[in-house]
Amino acid sequence: MDASVAPRHLVPSTHDLGSAVEAGIGWAMMPLQQSVPLREEGRVLPLGGEEVSTPLYWQAWRTPPDLLRALGEEVQAAARRELRAA
């Protein structure tokens, strides 16, 4: 099949992606925070295989303005609380 005519769906957000998978429109790789509750409720099924972990990096200027420095600190704090270490 020509890839230019393959069926496609536009899913504008990660929340909507979970809803699309739940509705059976397709499959996806989803963050654990999103997929675990759906799996535990039996609303989606794992496809099998190994979990995929990807290191995340926060990049910023060497000397960022105060507002960006504060934002970076908040993003890093949230990541430490919410993400599982690889």
Protein backbone atom coordinates (compact mmCIF):
# COMPACT_ATOMS: atom_id res chain seq x y z
CA MET A 1 0.00 0.00 0.00
CA ASP A 2 1.22 3.47 -0.86
CA ALA A 3 2.02 5.28 2.41
CA SER A 4 0.43 8.46 1.08
CA VAL A 5 -3.00 6.78 1.04
CA ALA A 6 -2.66 4.81 4.29
CA PRO A 7 -5.36 5.51 6.91
CA ARG A 8 -4.33 8.28 9.32
CA HIS A 9 -5.79 9.95 12.36
CA LEU A 10 -4.89 13.29 13.92
CA VAL A 11 -4.75 13.06 17.70
CA PRO A 12 -3.98 16.53 19.10
CA SER A 13 -2.99 15.68 22.69
CA THR A 14 -1.63 12.87 24.86
CA HIS A 15 -4.96 12.66 26.71
CA ASP A 16 -6.78 12.26 23.39
CA LEU A 17 -4.24 9.62 22.35
CA GLY A 18 -5.21 7.51 25.36
CA SER A 19 -8.87 7.96 24.45
CA ALA A 20 -8.17 6.93 20.85
CA VAL A 21 -6.36 3.77 21.97
CA GLU A 22 -9.18 3.00 24.39
CA ALA A 23 -11.69 3.40 21.53
CA GLY A 24 -9.72 0.89 19.44
CA ILE A 25 -8.67 3.40 16.79
CA GLY A 26 -5.05 2.28 17.03
CA TRP A 27 -2.15 1.52 19.34
CA ALA A 28 0.44 3.76 20.96
CA MET A 29 3.40 3.99 23.28
CA MET A 30 2.15 5.92 26.31
CA PRO A 31 3.80 7.20 29.49
CA LEU A 32 3.33 4.96 32.52
CA GLN A 33 1.38 7.67 34.36
CA GLN A 34 -1.18 7.47 31.57
CA SER A 35 -1.12 3.80 30.64
CA VAL A 36 -1.02 2.08 34.05
CA PRO A 37 -4.46 3.30 35.23
CA LEU A 38 -5.99 2.38 31.86
CA ARG A 39 -4.40 -1.10 31.99
CA GLU A 40 -5.45 -1.66 35.61
CA GLU A 41 -9.05 -0.79 34.70
CA GLY A 42 -8.91 -3.15 31.70
CA ARG A 43 -9.54 -0.30 29.27
CA VAL A 44 -6.37 -0.96 27.22
CA LEU A 45 -4.11 -3.99 26.78
CA PRO A 46 -0.32 -4.13 26.65
CA LEU A 47 1.06 -5.32 23.32
CA GLY A 48 3.87 -7.19 25.04
CA GLY A 49 7.60 -6.84 24.77
CA GLU A 50 10.07 -4.88 26.83
CA GLU A 51 9.28 -1.50 28.36
CA VAL A 52 11.08 1.32 26.61
CA SER A 53 12.89 3.87 28.78
CA THR A 54 14.32 7.04 27.30
CA PRO A 55 16.55 9.46 29.19
CA LEU A 56 15.15 12.99 29.25
CA TYR A 57 17.29 16.10 29.34
CA TRP A 58 16.40 19.71 30.17
CA GLN A 59 18.43 22.12 28.09
CA ALA A 60 18.79 25.79 28.91
CA TRP A 61 21.17 28.67 28.40
CA ARG A 62 24.27 28.64 30.53
CA THR A 63 23.08 31.83 32.26
CA PRO A 64 19.30 31.97 31.75
CA PRO A 65 17.16 34.93 32.79
CA ASP A 66 15.62 34.56 36.27
CA LEU A 67 12.20 33.60 34.90
CA LEU A 68 13.64 30.77 32.77
CA ARG A 69 15.85 29.63 35.64
CA ALA A 70 12.80 29.36 37.90
CA LEU A 71 10.87 27.51 35.18
CA GLY A 72 13.73 25.07 34.69
CA GLU A 73 13.91 24.37 38.41
CA GLU A 74 10.15 23.69 38.52
CA VAL A 75 10.32 21.36 35.50
CA GLN A 76 13.21 19.42 37.03
CA ALA A 77 11.45 19.16 40.42
CA ALA A 78 8.27 17.88 38.75
CA ALA A 79 10.27 15.35 36.73
CA ARG A 80 11.97 14.05 39.88
CA ARG A 81 8.55 13.61 41.55
CA GLU A 82 6.63 12.17 38.61
CA LEU A 83 9.03 10.23 36.41
CA ARG A 84 10.64 6.89 37.16
CA ALA A 85 14.43 6.85 37.01
CA ALA A 86 15.81 4.69 34.21
